Amino acid sequence: MTKADFPKIPDKIKEEREKERIEGIKKTAVSGIFGIFAGIISFYLAGEGQVRAGFGLTILLFAILIQKYIYPSINVTGELKANDWLYIGFMTLSFWFVSWTIMLN
Protein backbone atom coordinates (compact mmCIF):
# COMPACT_ATOMS: atom_id res chain seq x y z
CA MET A 1 0.00 0.00 0.00
CA THR A 2 1.21 3.44 -0.80
CA LYS A 3 0.51 6.71 0.91
CA ALA A 4 -1.97 7.60 -1.83
CA ASP A 5 -4.13 4.58 -0.92
CA PHE A 6 -5.01 6.01 2.50
CA PRO A 7 -7.84 8.50 2.80
CA LYS A 8 -6.78 12.09 3.30
CA ILE A 9 -7.71 13.68 6.63
CA PRO A 10 -9.46 17.00 6.07
CA ASP A 11 -7.59 20.11 7.17
CA LYS A 12 -10.44 21.06 9.52
CA ILE A 13 -10.00 17.85 11.51
CA LYS A 14 -6.24 18.38 11.64
CA GLU A 15 -6.76 21.91 12.98
CA GLU A 16 -9.18 20.66 15.64
CA ARG A 17 -6.74 17.96 16.74
CA GLU A 18 -3.91 20.47 16.95
CA LYS A 19 -6.08 22.86 18.95
CA GLU A 20 -7.08 20.07 21.38
CA ARG A 21 -3.45 19.02 21.74
CA ILE A 22 -2.35 22.56 22.58
CA GLU A 23 -5.19 22.97 25.08
CA GLY A 24 -4.19 19.68 26.71
CA ILE A 25 -0.63 20.90 27.07
CA LYS A 26 -1.87 24.14 28.62
CA LYS A 27 -4.09 22.25 31.09
CA THR A 28 -1.20 20.02 32.10
CA ALA A 29 1.26 22.88 32.49
CA VAL A 30 -1.08 25.12 34.48
CA SER A 31 -2.25 22.33 36.79
CA GLY A 32 1.36 21.27 37.34
CA ILE A 33 2.49 24.78 38.18
CA PHE A 34 -0.44 25.31 40.55
CA GLY A 35 0.24 21.94 42.17
CA ILE A 36 3.90 22.79 42.77
CA PHE A 37 3.03 26.21 44.20
CA ALA A 38 0.36 24.65 46.41
CA GLY A 39 2.91 22.12 47.69
CA ILE A 40 5.40 24.85 48.52
CA ILE A 41 2.76 26.97 50.23
CA SER A 42 1.48 23.93 52.13
CA PHE A 43 4.99 23.23 53.39
CA TYR A 44 5.56 26.75 54.65
CA LEU A 45 2.08 27.30 56.12
CA ALA A 46 1.10 23.83 57.29
CA GLY A 47 4.61 22.56 57.92
CA GLU A 48 5.27 19.07 59.18
CA GLY A 49 2.61 18.97 61.89
CA GLN A 50 -0.24 16.52 61.58
CA VAL A 51 -2.57 18.96 63.27
CA ARG A 52 -2.32 21.42 60.40
CA ALA A 53 -2.23 18.82 57.59
CA GLY A 54 -5.88 19.59 56.82
CA PHE A 55 -4.79 23.13 56.05
CA GLY A 56 -2.55 21.74 53.32
CA LEU A 57 -5.57 20.06 51.74
CA THR A 58 -7.44 23.36 51.88
CA ILE A 59 -4.60 24.98 49.96
CA LEU A 60 -4.82 22.17 47.38
CA LEU A 61 -8.57 22.69 46.92
CA PHE A 62 -8.02 26.42 46.54
CA ALA A 63 -5.35 25.76 43.89
CA ILE A 64 -7.79 23.58 41.95
CA LEU A 65 -10.68 26.03 42.22
CA ILE A 66 -8.68 29.09 41.19
CA GLN A 67 -7.84 27.39 37.90
CA LYS A 68 -11.48 27.86 36.88
CA TYR A 69 -10.68 31.55 36.39
CA ILE A 70 -7.25 31.03 34.87
CA TYR A 71 -8.20 28.89 31.86
CA PRO A 72 -10.36 31.48 30.09
CA SER A 73 -7.53 34.01 30.36
CA ILE A 74 -5.08 31.66 28.58
CA ASN A 75 -7.53 30.94 25.76
CA VAL A 76 -8.63 27.44 26.71
CA THR A 77 -11.87 27.57 24.81
CA GLY A 78 -14.98 25.55 25.30
CA GLU A 79 -16.65 24.38 28.44
CA LEU A 80 -14.58 22.28 30.80
CA LYS A 81 -16.49 19.08 31.42
CA ALA A 82 -16.38 16.77 34.42
CA ASN A 83 -13.72 14.64 32.72
CA ASP A 84 -11.52 17.73 32.27
CA TRP A 85 -11.92 18.70 35.93
CA LEU A 86 -11.04 15.18 37.06
CA TYR A 87 -7.87 15.40 34.99
CA ILE A 88 -7.02 18.89 36.26
CA GLY A 89 -7.70 17.87 39.85
CA PHE A 90 -5.62 14.70 39.57
CA MET A 91 -2.67 16.49 38.00
CA THR A 92 -2.77 19.26 40.60
CA LEU A 93 -3.04 16.69 43.39
CA SER A 94 -0.11 14.70 42.00
CA PHE A 95 2.20 17.69 41.68
CA TRP A 96 1.10 19.01 45.10
CA PHE A 97 1.76 15.68 46.77
CA VAL A 98 5.16 15.14 45.18
CA SER A 99 6.40 18.69 45.82
CA TRP A 100 5.20 18.74 49.43
CA THR A 101 6.70 15.28 50.07
CA ILE A 102 10.05 16.32 48.61
CA MET A 103 10.10 19.41 50.79
CA LEU A 104 9.20 17.41 53.90
CA ASN A 105 12.19 15.15 53.33
PDB file of N, CA and C in Angstrom:
ATOM      1  N   MET A   1       0.837  -1.179   0.000  1.00  0.00           N
ATOM      2  CA  MET A   1       0.000   0.000   0.000  1.00  0.00           C
ATOM      3  C   MET A   1       0.884   1.245   0.000  1.00  0.00           C
ATOM      4  N   THR A   2       0.474   2.183  -0.740  1.00  0.00           N
ATOM      5  CA  THR A   2       1.208   3.444  -0.799  1.00  0.00           C
ATOM      6  C   THR A   2       0.465   4.507   0.001  1.00  0.00           C
ATOM      7  N   LYS A   3       1.116   5.616   0.151  1.00  0.00           N
ATOM      8  CA  LYS A   3       0.512   6.711   0.910  1.00  0.00           C
ATOM      9  C   LYS A   3      -0.748   7.220   0.221  1.00  0.00           C
ATOM     10  N   ALA A   4      -0.809   7.122  -1.077  1.00  0.00           N
ATOM     11  CA  ALA A   4      -1.965   7.599  -1.830  1.00  0.00           C
ATOM     12  C   ALA A   4      -3.192   6.720  -1.607  1.00  0.00           C
ATOM     13  N   ASP A   5      -3.003   5.483  -1.149  1.00  0.00           N
ATOM     14  CA  ASP A   5      -4.131   4.584  -0.925  1.00  0.00           C
ATOM     15  C   ASP A   5      -4.930   4.938   0.335  1.00  0.00           C
ATOM     16  N   PHE A   6      -4.321   5.645   1.266  1.00  0.00           N
ATOM     17  CA  PHE A   6      -5.012   6.005   2.505  1.00  0.00           C
ATOM     18  C   PHE A   6      -5.862   7.248   2.300  1.00  0.00           C
ATOM     19  N   PRO A   7      -7.008   7.297   2.959  1.00  0.00           N
ATOM     20  CA  PRO A   7      -7.844   8.500   2.800  1.00  0.00           C
ATOM     21  C   PRO A   7      -7.171   9.712   3.437  1.00  0.00           C
ATOM     22  N   LYS A   8      -7.378  10.850   2.802  1.00  0.00           N
ATOM     23  CA  LYS A   8      -6.775  12.088   3.297  1.00  0.00           C
ATOM     24  C   LYS A   8      -7.641  12.656   4.419  1.00  0.00           C
ATOM     25  N   ILE A   9      -6.996  13.068   5.519  1.00  0.00           N
ATOM     26  CA  ILE A   9      -7.708  13.678   6.627  1.00  0.00           C
ATOM     27  C   ILE A   9      -7.943  15.144   6.287  1.00  0.00           C
ATOM     28  N   PRO A  10      -9.181  15.590   6.406  1.00  0.00           N
ATOM     29  CA  PRO A  10      -9.456  16.998   6.074  1.00  0.00           C
ATOM     30  C   PRO A  10      -8.674  17.948   6.978  1.00  0.00           C
ATOM     31  N   ASP A  11      -8.356  19.115   6.423  1.00  0.00           N
ATOM     32  CA  ASP A  11      -7.587  20.105   7.168  1.00  0.00           C
ATOM     33  C   ASP A  11      -8.322  20.572   8.419  1.00  0.00           C
ATOM     34  N   LYS A  12      -9.649  20.609   8.368  1.00  0.00           N
ATOM     35  CA  LYS A  12     -10.439  21.057   9.519  1.00  0.00           C
ATOM     36  C   LYS A  12     -10.246  20.111  10.703  1.00  0.00           C
ATOM     37  N   ILE A  13     -10.207  18.822  10.437  1.00  0.00           N
ATOM     38  CA  ILE A  13     -10.005  17.850  11.513  1.00  0.00           C
ATOM     39  C   ILE A  13      -8.589  17.971  12.063  1.00  0.00           C
ATOM     40  N   LYS A  14      -7.611  18.197  11.187  1.00  0.00           N
ATOM     41  CA  LYS A  14      -6.236  18.380  11.637  1.00  0.00           C
ATOM     42  C   LYS A  14      -6.117  19.609  12.541  1.00  0.00           C
ATOM     43  N   GLU A  15      -6.801  20.687  12.166  1.00  0.00           N
ATOM     44  CA  GLU A  15      -6.764  21.909  12.980  1.00  0.00           C
ATOM     45  C   GLU A  15      -7.404  21.684  14.340  1.00  0.00           C
ATOM     46  N   GLU A  16      -8.510  20.945  14.372  1.00  0.00           N
ATOM     47  CA  GLU A  16      -9.178  20.659  15.640  1.00  0.00           C
ATOM     48  C   GLU A  16      -8.295  19.798  16.540  1.00  0.00           C
ATOM     49  N   ARG A  17      -7.637  18.810  15.962  1.00  0.00           N
ATOM     50  CA  ARG A  17      -6.735  17.962  16.739  1.00  0.00           C
ATOM     51  C   ARG A  17      -5.572  18.764  17.307  1.00  0.00           C
ATOM     52  N   GLU A  18      -5.024  19.641  16.488  1.00  0.00           N
ATOM     53  CA  GLU A  18      -3.909  20.475  16.948  1.00  0.00           C
ATOM     54  C   GLU A  18      -4.359  21.408  18.067  1.00  0.00           C
ATOM     55  N   LYS A  19      -5.543  21.971  17.921  1.00  0.00           N
ATOM     56  CA  LYS A  19      -6.081  22.858  18.955  1.00  0.00           C
ATOM     57  C   LYS A  19      -6.305  22.093  20.255  1.00  0.00           C
ATOM     58  N   GLU A  20      -6.866  20.890  20.185  1.00  0.00           N
ATOM     59  CA  GLU A  20      -7.084  20.068  21.377  1.00  0.00           C
ATOM     60  C   GLU A  20      -5.762  19.678  22.024  1.00  0.00           C
ATOM     61  N   ARG A  21      -4.762  19.394  21.218  1.00  0.00           N
ATOM     62  CA  ARG A  21      -3.452  19.019  21.743  1.00  0.00           C
ATOM     63  C   ARG A  21      -2.820  20.186  22.494  1.00  0.00           C
ATOM     64  N   ILE A  22      -2.907  21.381  21.928  1.00  0.00           N
ATOM     65  CA  ILE A  22      -2.348  22.561  22.580  1.00  0.00           C
ATOM     66  C   ILE A  22      -3.091  22.865  23.874  1.00  0.00           C
ATOM     67  N   GLU A  23      -4.420  22.741  23.862  1.00  0.00           N
ATOM     68  CA  GLU A  23      -5.192  22.970  25.081  1.00  0.00           C
ATOM     69  C   GLU A  23      -4.843  21.940  26.151  1.00  0.00           C
ATOM     70  N   GLY A  24      -4.604  20.701  25.754  1.00  0.00           N
ATOM     71  CA  GLY A  24      -4.195  19.675  26.706  1.00  0.00           C
ATOM     72  C   GLY A  24      -2.853  19.991  27.340  1.00  0.00           C
ATOM     73  N   ILE A  25      -1.932  20.504  26.541  1.00  0.00           N
ATOM     74  CA  ILE A  25      -0.630  20.897  27.068  1.00  0.00           C
ATOM     75  C   ILE A  25      -0.781  22.054  28.049  1.00  0.00           C
ATOM     76  N   LYS A  26      -1.637  23.014  27.711  1.00  0.00           N
ATOM     77  CA  LYS A  26      -1.874  24.141  28.615  1.00  0.00           C
ATOM     78  C   LYS A  26      -2.479  23.674  29.936  1.00  0.00           C
ATOM     79  N   LYS A  27      -3.449  22.759  29.865  1.00  0.00           N
ATOM     80  CA  LYS A  27      -4.087  22.251  31.088  1.00  0.00           C
ATOM     81  C   LYS A  27      -3.070  21.526  31.963  1.00  0.00           C
ATOM     82  N   THR A  28      -2.205  20.741  31.342  1.00  0.00           N
ATOM     83  CA  THR A  28      -1.197  20.015  32.101  1.00  0.00           C
ATOM     84  C   THR A  28      -0.198  20.970  32.736  1.00  0.00           C
ATOM     85  N   ALA A  29       0.264  21.943  31.975  1.00  0.00           N
ATOM     86  CA  ALA A  29       1.263  22.883  32.489  1.00  0.00           C
ATOM     87  C   ALA A  29       0.702  23.730  33.626  1.00  0.00           C
ATOM     88  N   VAL A  30      -0.495  24.257  33.448  1.00  0.00           N
ATOM     89  CA  VAL A  30      -1.084  25.118  34.475  1.00  0.00           C
ATOM     90  C   VAL A  30      -1.376  24.320  35.736  1.00  0.00           C
ATOM     91  N   SER A  31      -1.954  23.123  35.597  1.00  0.00           N
ATOM     92  CA  SER A  31      -2.252  22.333  36.791  1.00  0.00           C
ATOM     93  C   SER A  31      -0.965  21.888  37.483  1.00  0.00           C
ATOM     94  N   GLY A  32       0.082  21.626  36.740  1.00  0.00           N
ATOM     95  CA  GLY A  32       1.364  21.268  37.337  1.00  0.00           C
ATOM     96  C   GLY A  32       1.977  22.430  38.107  1.00  0.00           C
ATOM     97  N   ILE A  33       1.944  23.605  37.508  1.00  0.00           N
ATOM     98  CA  ILE A  33       2.489  24.785  38.178  1.00  0.00           C
ATOM     99  C   ILE A  33       1.708  25.099  39.449  1.00  0.00           C
ATOM    100  N   PHE A  34       0.384  25.042  39.364  1.00  0.00           N
ATOM    101  CA  PHE A  34      -0.436  25.307  40.552  1.00  0.00           C
ATOM    102  C   PHE A  34      -0.219  24.238  41.618  1.00  0.00           C
ATOM    103  N   GLY A  35      -0.016  23.001  41.211  1.00  0.00           N
ATOM    104  CA  GLY A  35       0.244  21.938  42.168  1.00  0.00           C
ATOM    105  C   GLY A  35       1.567  22.136  42.890  1.00  0.00           C
ATOM    106  N   ILE A  36       2.589  22.544  42.160  1.00  0.00           N
ATOM    107  CA  ILE A  36       3.898  22.789  42.773  1.00  0.00           C
ATOM    108  C   ILE A  36       3.814  23.967  43.738  1.00  0.00           C
ATOM    109  N   PHE A  37       3.178  25.058  43.312  1.00  0.00           N
ATOM    110  CA  PHE A  37       3.031  26.211  44.201  1.00  0.00           C
ATOM    111  C   PHE A  37       2.216  25.862  45.440  1.00  0.00           C
ATOM    112  N   ALA A  38       1.163  25.061  45.262  1.00  0.00           N
ATOM    113  CA  ALA A  38       0.361  24.652  46.412  1.00  0.00           C
ATOM    114  C   ALA A  38       1.173  23.789  47.364  1.00  0.00           C
ATOM    115  N   GLY A  39       2.039  22.932  46.847  1.00  0.00           N
ATOM    116  CA  GLY A  39       2.905  22.117  47.691  1.00  0.00           C
ATOM    117  C   GLY A  39       3.888  22.956  48.482  1.00  0.00           C
ATOM    118  N   ILE A  40       4.456  23.960  47.834  1.00  0.00           N
ATOM    119  CA  ILE A  40       5.400  24.849  48.517  1.00  0.00           C
ATOM    120  C   ILE A  40       4.687  25.655  49.597  1.00  0.00           C
ATOM    121  N   ILE A  41       3.528  26.199  49.254  1.00  0.00           N
ATOM    122  CA  ILE A  41       2.764  26.975  50.231  1.00  0.00           C
ATOM    123  C   ILE A  41       2.311  26.080  51.381  1.00  0.00           C
ATOM    124  N   SER A  42       1.902  24.863  51.082  1.00  0.00           N
ATOM    125  CA  SER A  42       1.485  23.931  52.131  1.00  0.00           C
ATOM    126  C   SER A  42       2.640  23.639  53.078  1.00  0.00           C
ATOM    127  N   PHE A  43       3.834  23.505  52.536  1.00  0.00           N
ATOM    128  CA  PHE A  43       4.990  23.228  53.387  1.00  0.00           C
ATOM    129  C   PHE A  43       5.257  24.394  54.336  1.00  0.00           C
ATOM    130  N   TYR A  44       5.225  25.606  53.809  1.00  0.00           N
ATOM    131  CA  TYR A  44       5.556  26.754  54.651  1.00  0.00           C
ATOM    132  C   TYR A  44       4.435  27.125  55.613  1.00  0.00           C
ATOM    133  N   LEU A  45       3.186  26.920  55.238  1.00  0.00           N
ATOM    134  CA  LEU A  45       2.085  27.305  56.117  1.00  0.00           C
ATOM    135  C   LEU A  45       1.622  26.168  57.020  1.00  0.00           C
ATOM    136  N   ALA A  46       1.555  24.952  56.479  1.00  0.00           N
ATOM    137  CA  ALA A  46       1.095  23.827  57.292  1.00  0.00           C
ATOM    138  C   ALA A  46       2.259  23.102  57.935  1.00  0.00           C
ATOM    139  N   GLY A  47       3.411  23.165  57.339  1.00  0.00           N
ATOM    140  CA  GLY A  47       4.606  22.561  57.919  1.00  0.00           C
ATOM    141  C   GLY A  47       4.516  21.049  58.009  1.00  0.00           C
ATOM    142  N   GLU A  48       5.192  20.513  59.013  1.00  0.00           N
ATOM    143  CA  GLU A  48       5.270  19.067  59.182  1.00  0.00           C
ATOM    144  C   GLU A  48       4.250  18.540  60.175  1.00  0.00           C
ATOM    145  N   GLY A  49       3.534  19.412  60.844  1.00  0.00           N
ATOM    146  CA  GLY A  49       2.614  18.971  61.888  1.00  0.00           C
ATOM    147  C   GLY A  49       1.380  18.286  61.342  1.00  0.00           C
ATOM    148  N   GLN A  50       0.964  17.233  62.010  1.00  0.00           N
ATOM    149  CA  GLN A  50      -0.236  16.515  61.582  1.00  0.00           C
ATOM    150  C   GLN A  50      -1.494  17.299  61.910  1.00  0.00           C
ATOM    151  N   VAL A  51      -1.403  18.183  62.874  1.00  0.00           N
ATOM    152  CA  VAL A  51      -2.572  18.960  63.273  1.00  0.00           C
ATOM    153  C   VAL A  51      -2.990  19.896  62.151  1.00  0.00           C
ATOM    154  N   ARG A  52      -2.013  20.460  61.453  1.00  0.00           N
ATOM    155  CA  ARG A  52      -2.323  21.415  60.396  1.00  0.00           C
ATOM    156  C   ARG A  52      -2.287  20.791  59.003  1.00  0.00           C
ATOM    157  N   ALA A  53      -2.278  19.482  58.898  1.00  0.00           N
ATOM    158  CA  ALA A  53      -2.233  18.822  57.587  1.00  0.00           C
ATOM    159  C   ALA A  53      -3.512  19.092  56.801  1.00  0.00           C
ATOM    160  N   GLY A  54      -4.624  19.254  57.496  1.00  0.00           N
ATOM    161  CA  GLY A  54      -5.880  19.594  56.823  1.00  0.00           C
ATOM    162  C   GLY A  54      -5.803  20.939  56.139  1.00  0.00           C
ATOM    163  N   PHE A  55      -4.986  21.823  56.672  1.00  0.00           N
ATOM    164  CA  PHE A  55      -4.795  23.129  56.045  1.00  0.00           C
ATOM    165  C   PHE A  55      -4.104  22.976  54.698  1.00  0.00           C
ATOM    166  N   GLY A  56      -3.210  22.010  54.589  1.00  0.00           N
ATOM    167  CA  GLY A  56      -2.548  21.740  53.320  1.00  0.00           C
ATOM    168  C   GLY A  56      -3.545  21.285  52.254  1.00  0.00           C
ATOM    169  N   LEU A  57      -4.524  20.481  52.671  1.00  0.00           N
ATOM    170  CA  LEU A  57      -5.573  20.057  51.738  1.00  0.00           C
ATOM    171  C   LEU A  57      -6.443  21.231  51.308  1.00  0.00           C
ATOM    172  N   THR A  58      -6.663  22.164  52.219  1.00  0.00           N
ATOM    173  CA  THR A  58      -7.435  23.356  51.877  1.00  0.00           C
ATOM    174  C   THR A  58      -6.694  24.174  50.820  1.00  0.00           C
ATOM    175  N   ILE A  59      -5.402  24.269  50.951  1.00  0.00           N
ATOM    176  CA  ILE A  59      -4.599  24.976  49.955  1.00  0.00           C
ATOM    177  C   ILE A  59      -4.689  24.271  48.606  1.00  0.00           C
ATOM    178  N   LEU A  60      -4.675  22.941  48.626  1.00  0.00           N
ATOM    179  CA  LEU A  60      -4.815  22.169  47.385  1.00  0.00           C
ATOM    180  C   LEU A  60      -6.160  22.453  46.720  1.00  0.00           C
ATOM    181  N   LEU A  61      -7.232  22.420  47.484  1.00  0.00           N
ATOM    182  CA  LEU A  61      -8.565  22.692  46.917  1.00  0.00           C
ATOM    183  C   LEU A  61      -8.642  24.106  46.348  1.00  0.00           C
ATOM    184  N   PHE A  62      -8.053  25.057  47.046  1.00  0.00           N
ATOM    185  CA  PHE A  62      -8.025  26.420  46.541  1.00  0.00           C
ATOM    186  C   PHE A  62      -7.253  26.489  45.222  1.00  0.00           C
ATOM    187  N   ALA A  63      -6.146  25.763  45.124  1.00  0.00           N
ATOM    188  CA  ALA A  63      -5.348  25.757  43.891  1.00  0.00           C
ATOM    189  C   ALA A  63      -6.134  25.161  42.728  1.00  0.00           C
ATOM    190  N   ILE A  64      -6.969  24.176  43.009  1.00  0.00           N
ATOM    191  CA  ILE A  64      -7.792  23.582  41.951  1.00  0.00           C
ATOM    192  C   ILE A  64      -8.903  24.540  41.538  1.00  0.00           C
ATOM    193  N   LEU A  65      -9.547  25.150  42.520  1.00  0.00           N
ATOM    194  CA  LEU A  65     -10.677  26.029  42.217  1.00  0.00           C
ATOM    195  C   LEU A  65     -10.262  27.311  41.508  1.00  0.00           C
ATOM    196  N   ILE A  66      -9.106  27.839  41.825  1.00  0.00           N
ATOM    197  CA  ILE A  66      -8.680  29.090  41.195  1.00  0.00           C
ATOM    198  C   ILE A  66      -8.381  28.892  39.711  1.00  0.00           C
ATOM    199  N   GLN A  67      -8.118  27.659  39.310  1.00  0.00           N
ATOM    200  CA  GLN A  67      -7.843  27.386  37.899  1.00  0.00           C
ATOM    201  C   GLN A  67      -9.067  27.623  37.021  1.00  0.00           C
ATOM    202  N   LYS A  68     -10.243  27.596  37.624  1.00  0.00           N
ATOM    203  CA  LYS A  68     -11.475  27.863  36.877  1.00  0.00           C
ATOM    204  C   LYS A  68     -11.418  29.244  36.234  1.00  0.00           C
ATOM    205  N   TYR A  69     -10.761  30.183  36.892  1.00  0.00           N
ATOM    206  CA  TYR A  69     -10.684  31.549  36.387  1.00  0.00           C
ATOM    207  C   TYR A  69      -9.428  31.788  35.558  1.00  0.00           C
ATOM    208  N   ILE A  70      -8.493  30.872  35.613  1.00  0.00           N
ATOM    209  CA  ILE A  70      -7.246  31.028  34.868  1.00  0.00           C
ATOM    210  C   ILE A  70      -7.408  30.572  33.415  1.00  0.00           C
ATOM    211  N   TYR A  71      -8.116  29.471  33.202  1.00  0.00           N
ATOM    212  CA  TYR A  71      -8.198  28.895  31.860  1.00  0.00           C
ATOM    213  C   TYR A  71      -8.821  29.815  30.816  1.00  0.00           C
ATOM    214  N   PRO A  72      -9.875  30.556  31.123  1.00  0.00           N
ATOM    215  CA  PRO A  72     -10.361  31.482  30.088  1.00  0.00           C
ATOM    216  C   PRO A  72      -9.344  32.563  29.718  1.00  0.00           C
ATOM    217  N   SER A  73      -8.499  32.961  30.658  1.00  0.00           N
ATOM    218  CA  SER A  73      -7.530  34.012  30.361  1.00  0.00           C
ATOM    219  C   SER A  73      -6.370  33.511  29.496  1.00  0.00           C
ATOM    220  N   ILE A  74      -6.147  32.189  29.446  1.00  0.00           N
ATOM    221  CA  ILE A  74      -5.082  31.663  28.580  1.00  0.00           C
ATOM    222  C   ILE A  74      -5.659  30.997  27.332  1.00  0.00           C
ATOM    223  N   ASN A  75      -6.869  31.367  26.995  1.00  0.00           N
ATOM    224  CA  ASN A  75      -7.535  30.942  25.761  1.00  0.00           C
ATOM    225  C   ASN A  75      -7.774  29.445  25.675  1.00  0.00           C
ATOM    226  N   VAL A  76      -8.140  28.819  26.775  1.00  0.00           N
ATOM    227  CA  VAL A  76      -8.627  27.444  26.710  1.00  0.00           C
ATOM    228  C   VAL A  76     -10.122  27.572  26.460  1.00  0.00           C
ATOM    229  N   THR A  77     -10.501  27.313  25.218  1.00  0.00           N
ATOM    230  CA  THR A  77     -11.874  27.565  24.808  1.00  0.00           C
ATOM    231  C   THR A  77     -12.762  26.384  25.150  1.00  0.00           C
ATOM    232  N   GLY A  78     -14.014  26.608  25.043  1.00  0.00           N
ATOM    233  CA  GLY A  78     -14.976  25.553  25.302  1.00  0.00           C
ATOM    234  C   GLY A  78     -15.248  25.394  26.791  1.00  0.00           C
ATOM    235  N   GLU A  79     -16.272  24.631  27.060  1.00  0.00           N
ATOM    236  CA  GLU A  79     -16.652  24.383  28.443  1.00  0.00           C
ATOM    237  C   GLU A  79     -15.854  23.207  28.981  1.00  0.00           C
ATOM    238  N   LEU A  80     -15.312  23.367  30.171  1.00  0.00           N
ATOM    239  CA  LEU A  80     -14.576  22.280  30.799  1.00  0.00           C
ATOM    240  C   LEU A  80     -15.586  21.316  31.412  1.00  0.00           C
ATOM    241  N   LYS A  81     -15.545  20.092  30.970  1.00  0.00           N
ATOM    242  CA  LYS A  81     -16.492  19.078  31.421  1.00  0.00           C
ATOM    243  C   LYS A  81     -15.958  18.386  32.667  1.00  0.00           C
ATOM    244  N   ALA A  82     -16.757  17.487  33.207  1.00  0.00           N
ATOM    245  CA  ALA A  82     -16.377  16.767  34.424  1.00  0.00           C
ATOM    246  C   ALA A  82     -15.082  15.976  34.202  1.00  0.00           C
ATOM    247  N   ASN A  83     -14.939  15.395  33.039  1.00  0.00           N
ATOM    248  CA  ASN A  83     -13.724  14.640  32.724  1.00  0.00           C
ATOM    249  C   ASN A  83     -12.489  15.550  32.763  1.00  0.00           C
ATOM    250  N   ASP A  84     -12.630  16.772  32.239  1.00  0.00           N
ATOM    251  CA  ASP A  84     -11.523  17.729  32.270  1.00  0.00           C
ATOM    252  C   ASP A  84     -11.162  18.101  33.704  1.00  0.00           C
ATOM    253  N   TRP A  85     -12.183  18.316  34.537  1.00  0.00           N
ATOM    254  CA  TRP A  85     -11.919  18.700  35.928  1.00  0.00           C
ATOM    255  C   TRP A  85     -11.315  17.553  36.721  1.00  0.00           C
ATOM    256  N   LEU A  86     -11.682  16.322  36.406  1.00  0.00           N
ATOM    257  CA  LEU A  86     -11.039  15.184  37.056  1.00  0.00           C
ATOM    258  C   LEU A  86      -9.559  15.133  36.685  1.00  0.00           C
ATOM    259  N   TYR A  87      -9.262  15.377  35.436  1.00  0.00           N
ATOM    260  CA  TYR A  87      -7.873  15.400  34.985  1.00  0.00           C
ATOM    261  C   TYR A  87      -7.097  16.534  35.653  1.00  0.00           C
ATOM    262  N   ILE A  88      -7.673  17.730  35.651  1.00  0.00           N
ATOM    263  CA  ILE A  88      -7.020  18.888  36.257  1.00  0.00           C
ATOM    264  C   ILE A  88      -6.803  18.655  37.750  1.00  0.00           C
ATOM    265  N   GLY A  89      -7.818  18.141  38.421  1.00  0.00           N
ATOM    266  CA  GLY A  89      -7.705  17.866  39.846  1.00  0.00           C
ATOM    267  C   GLY A  89      -6.651  16.814  40.143  1.00  0.00           C
ATOM    268  N   PHE A  90      -6.611  15.752  39.352  1.00  0.00           N
ATOM    269  CA  PHE A  90      -5.620  14.697  39.566  1.00  0.00           C
ATOM    270  C   PHE A  90      -4.211  15.201  39.334  1.00  0.00           C
ATOM    271  N   MET A  91      -4.000  15.974  38.281  1.00  0.00           N
ATOM    272  CA  MET A  91      -2.669  16.494  37.996  1.00  0.00           C
ATOM    273  C   MET A  91      -2.214  17.462  39.089  1.00  0.00           C
ATOM    274  N   THR A  92      -3.122  18.327  39.537  1.00  0.00           N
ATOM    275  CA  THR A  92      -2.768  19.263  40.602  1.00  0.00           C
ATOM    276  C   THR A  92      -2.453  18.506  41.883  1.00  0.00           C
ATOM    277  N   LEU A  93      -3.273  17.516  42.205  1.00  0.00           N
ATOM    278  CA  LEU A  93      -3.041  16.693  43.390  1.00  0.00           C
ATOM    279  C   LEU A  93      -1.691  15.981  43.309  1.00  0.00           C
ATOM    280  N   SER A  94      -1.372  15.440  42.164  1.00  0.00           N
ATOM    281  CA  SER A  94      -0.113  14.705  41.995  1.00  0.00           C
ATOM    282  C   SER A  94       1.094  15.614  42.198  1.00  0.00           C
ATOM    283  N   PHE A  95       1.082  16.769  41.545  1.00  0.00           N
ATOM    284  CA  PHE A  95       2.197  17.694  41.680  1.00  0.00           C
ATOM    285  C   PHE A  95       2.284  18.252  43.099  1.00  0.00           C
ATOM    286  N   TRP A  96       1.143  18.526  43.725  1.00  0.00           N
ATOM    287  CA  TRP A  96       1.104  19.012  45.103  1.00  0.00           C
ATOM    288  C   TRP A  96       1.711  17.980  46.041  1.00  0.00           C
ATOM    289  N   PHE A  97       1.285  16.737  45.899  1.00  0.00           N
ATOM    290  CA  PHE A  97       1.760  15.678  46.775  1.00  0.00           C
ATOM    291  C   PHE A  97       3.263  15.460  46.641  1.00  0.00           C
ATOM    292  N   VAL A  98       3.735  15.395  45.419  1.00  0.00           N
ATOM    293  CA  VAL A  98       5.158  15.142  45.180  1.00  0.00           C
ATOM    294  C   VAL A  98       5.999  16.317  45.684  1.00  0.00           C
ATOM    295  N   SER A  99       5.592  17.541  45.392  1.00  0.00           N
ATOM    296  CA  SER A  99       6.397  18.690  45.819  1.00  0.00           C
ATOM    297  C   SER A  99       6.389  18.837  47.336  1.00  0.00           C
ATOM    298  N   TRP A 100       5.252  18.622  47.988  1.00  0.00           N
ATOM    299  CA  TRP A 100       5.198  18.738  49.433  1.00  0.00           C
ATOM    300  C   TRP A 100       6.017  17.602  50.087  1.00  0.00           C
ATOM    301  N   THR A 101       5.936  16.408  49.534  1.00  0.00           N
ATOM    302  CA  THR A 101       6.700  15.277  50.074  1.00  0.00           C
ATOM    303  C   THR A 101       8.207  15.512  49.943  1.00  0.00           C
ATOM    304  N   ILE A 102       8.627  16.038  48.809  1.00  0.00           N
ATOM    305  CA  ILE A 102      10.052  16.319  48.614  1.00  0.00           C
ATOM    306  C   ILE A 102      10.510  17.365  49.627  1.00  0.00           C
ATOM    307  N   MET A 103       9.711  18.370  49.845  1.00  0.00           N
ATOM    308  CA  MET A 103      10.105  19.413  50.794  1.00  0.00           C
ATOM    309  C   MET A 103      10.085  18.912  52.228  1.00  0.00           C
ATOM    310  N   LEU A 104       9.232  17.962  52.547  1.00  0.00           N
ATOM    311  CA  LEU A 104       9.197  17.409  53.902  1.00  0.00           C
ATOM    312  C   LEU A 104      10.424  16.552  54.181  1.00  0.00           C
ATOM    313  N   ASN A 105      10.987  15.971  53.145  1.00  0.00           N
ATOM    314  CA  ASN A 105      12.195  15.151  53.333  1.00  0.00           C
ATOM    315  C   ASN A 105      13.362  16.039  53.232  1.00  0.00           C
TER     316      ASN A 105
END
